[in-house]
Protein backbone atom coordinates (compact mmCIF):
# COMPACT_ATOMS: atom_id res chain seq x y z
CA MET A 1 55.20 111.33 78.84
CA ASN A 2 56.71 107.82 79.13
CA THR A 3 59.96 108.99 77.56
CA ARG A 4 60.24 111.71 80.18
CA LYS A 5 59.75 109.19 83.01
CA VAL A 6 62.42 106.91 81.56
CA TYR A 7 64.79 109.85 81.20
CA LEU A 8 64.21 110.94 84.82
CA PHE A 9 64.63 107.35 86.01
CA PHE A 10 68.07 107.11 84.37
CA ILE A 11 69.16 110.45 85.80
CA PHE A 12 68.05 109.34 89.26
CA MET A 13 69.89 106.02 88.96
CA PHE A 14 73.06 107.75 87.74
CA LEU A 15 73.04 110.16 90.68
CA ALA A 16 72.18 107.42 93.17
CA PHE A 17 75.10 105.21 92.15
CA THR A 18 77.71 107.87 91.50
CA GLY A 19 76.84 110.26 94.31
CA CYS A 20 78.48 113.63 94.63
CA TYR A 21 82.05 112.60 93.95
CA LYS A 22 84.68 115.07 94.99
CA ASN A 23 87.87 115.31 93.02
CA GLU A 24 90.01 114.16 95.94
CA PRO A 25 93.70 113.36 95.95
CA ILE A 26 94.47 109.67 96.20
CA PRO A 27 95.59 108.73 99.73
CA THR A 28 98.69 106.87 100.77
CA ALA A 29 98.71 104.54 103.76
CA GLU A 30 101.72 104.30 106.05
CA PHE A 31 102.44 103.76 109.73
CA VAL A 32 105.25 103.16 112.17
CA TYR A 33 105.00 101.40 115.50
CA ALA A 34 106.74 101.08 118.85
CA GLY A 35 106.22 98.40 121.46
CA ASP A 36 106.82 98.31 125.17
CA ASN A 37 108.30 95.44 127.18
CA GLY A 38 110.88 94.69 124.48
CA PHE A 39 108.10 93.31 122.25
CA LYS A 40 107.57 90.51 124.80
CA VAL A 41 104.17 89.33 125.99
CA PRO A 42 102.18 91.22 127.21
CA CYS A 43 103.17 93.94 124.78
CA THR A 44 101.32 97.16 124.05
CA VAL A 45 102.12 98.48 120.59
CA MET A 46 101.54 102.14 119.78
CA PHE A 47 100.81 102.94 116.13
CA THR A 48 101.68 106.29 114.55
CA ASN A 49 99.65 106.92 111.44
CA GLN A 50 101.67 108.57 108.66
CA SER A 51 98.99 108.31 105.98
CA VAL A 52 98.53 111.26 103.62
CA ASN A 53 95.26 112.60 102.17
CA SER A 54 93.19 110.35 104.41
CA PHE A 55 90.09 111.11 106.44
CA SER A 56 89.23 107.78 108.08
CA TRP A 57 91.08 104.55 108.88
CA LYS A 58 90.48 100.86 109.43
CA TRP A 59 93.06 98.85 111.36
CA ARG A 60 93.31 95.07 111.74
CA PHE A 61 95.87 93.88 114.26
CA GLY A 62 96.22 90.26 113.13
CA ASP A 63 94.48 88.72 116.15
CA ASP A 64 90.85 89.46 115.20
CA SER A 65 91.01 92.91 116.85
CA VAL A 66 90.15 96.06 114.88
CA SER A 67 90.09 99.83 115.34
CA THR A 68 88.97 102.93 113.46
CA LEU A 69 91.06 105.37 115.49
CA LYS A 70 93.68 107.44 113.70
CA GLU A 71 96.50 106.35 116.01
CA PRO A 72 95.48 103.35 118.13
CA SER A 73 97.42 101.20 120.53
CA HIS A 74 96.91 97.48 120.90
CA THR A 75 98.01 94.94 123.51
CA TYR A 76 99.16 91.52 122.35
CA THR A 77 98.80 88.77 124.95
CA ARG A 78 100.26 85.86 122.98
CA PRO A 79 103.60 85.50 121.22
CA GLY A 80 103.63 85.22 117.44
CA LYS A 81 103.84 87.06 114.15
CA TYR A 82 100.96 89.42 113.47
CA ASP A 83 100.15 91.07 110.15
CA VAL A 84 98.92 94.58 110.95
CA TYR A 85 96.76 96.02 108.20
CA LEU A 86 95.89 99.70 107.74
CA ARG A 87 93.44 100.98 105.15
CA ALA A 88 93.25 104.78 104.76
CA TYR A 89 90.19 106.36 103.12
CA THR A 90 89.46 109.74 101.58
CA GLU A 91 86.57 111.81 102.93
CA SER A 92 84.13 110.38 100.40
CA CYS A 93 85.51 106.85 100.94
CA LYS A 94 85.69 106.47 97.15
CA GLU A 95 89.49 106.22 97.20
CA TRP A 96 91.64 104.21 99.60
CA ALA A 97 95.12 102.83 100.09
CA SER A 98 96.44 100.07 102.32
CA VAL A 99 99.64 98.80 103.87
CA ILE A 100 100.52 95.62 105.79
CA LYS A 101 103.42 95.20 108.21
CA THR A 102 104.37 92.17 110.29
CA ILE A 103 105.01 92.57 114.01
CA THR A 104 106.76 89.82 115.98
CA ILE A 105 105.78 89.46 119.63
CA LYS A 106 108.16 87.29 121.65
CA ASP A 107 107.40 84.96 124.52
CA THR A 108 108.42 86.17 127.96
CA VAL A 109 110.43 82.96 128.56
CA GLN A 110 113.11 82.44 125.91
């Protein structure tokens, strides 16, 4: 009886940690962007998500702002260089891909 309990315990642990993994294609992460106001402060940047095989997204805009929308926009209120980070996930979130691009926002007075 103890051997059966140990066996069931290991099966439970295996299923708990591996889950129901789908054989999903690996995603790619990619985006393009366009900014208004000539990329001068204040500048709203629109992001077009070109990721493939992705189901959910995590954006970081380089100024402590984040989004989980597929195609967000973000307004920068200070000049500077911002590393925009996109991570694209599969439906199960077991696979992901990421890309980083730098956006330069200029001061209004130059």
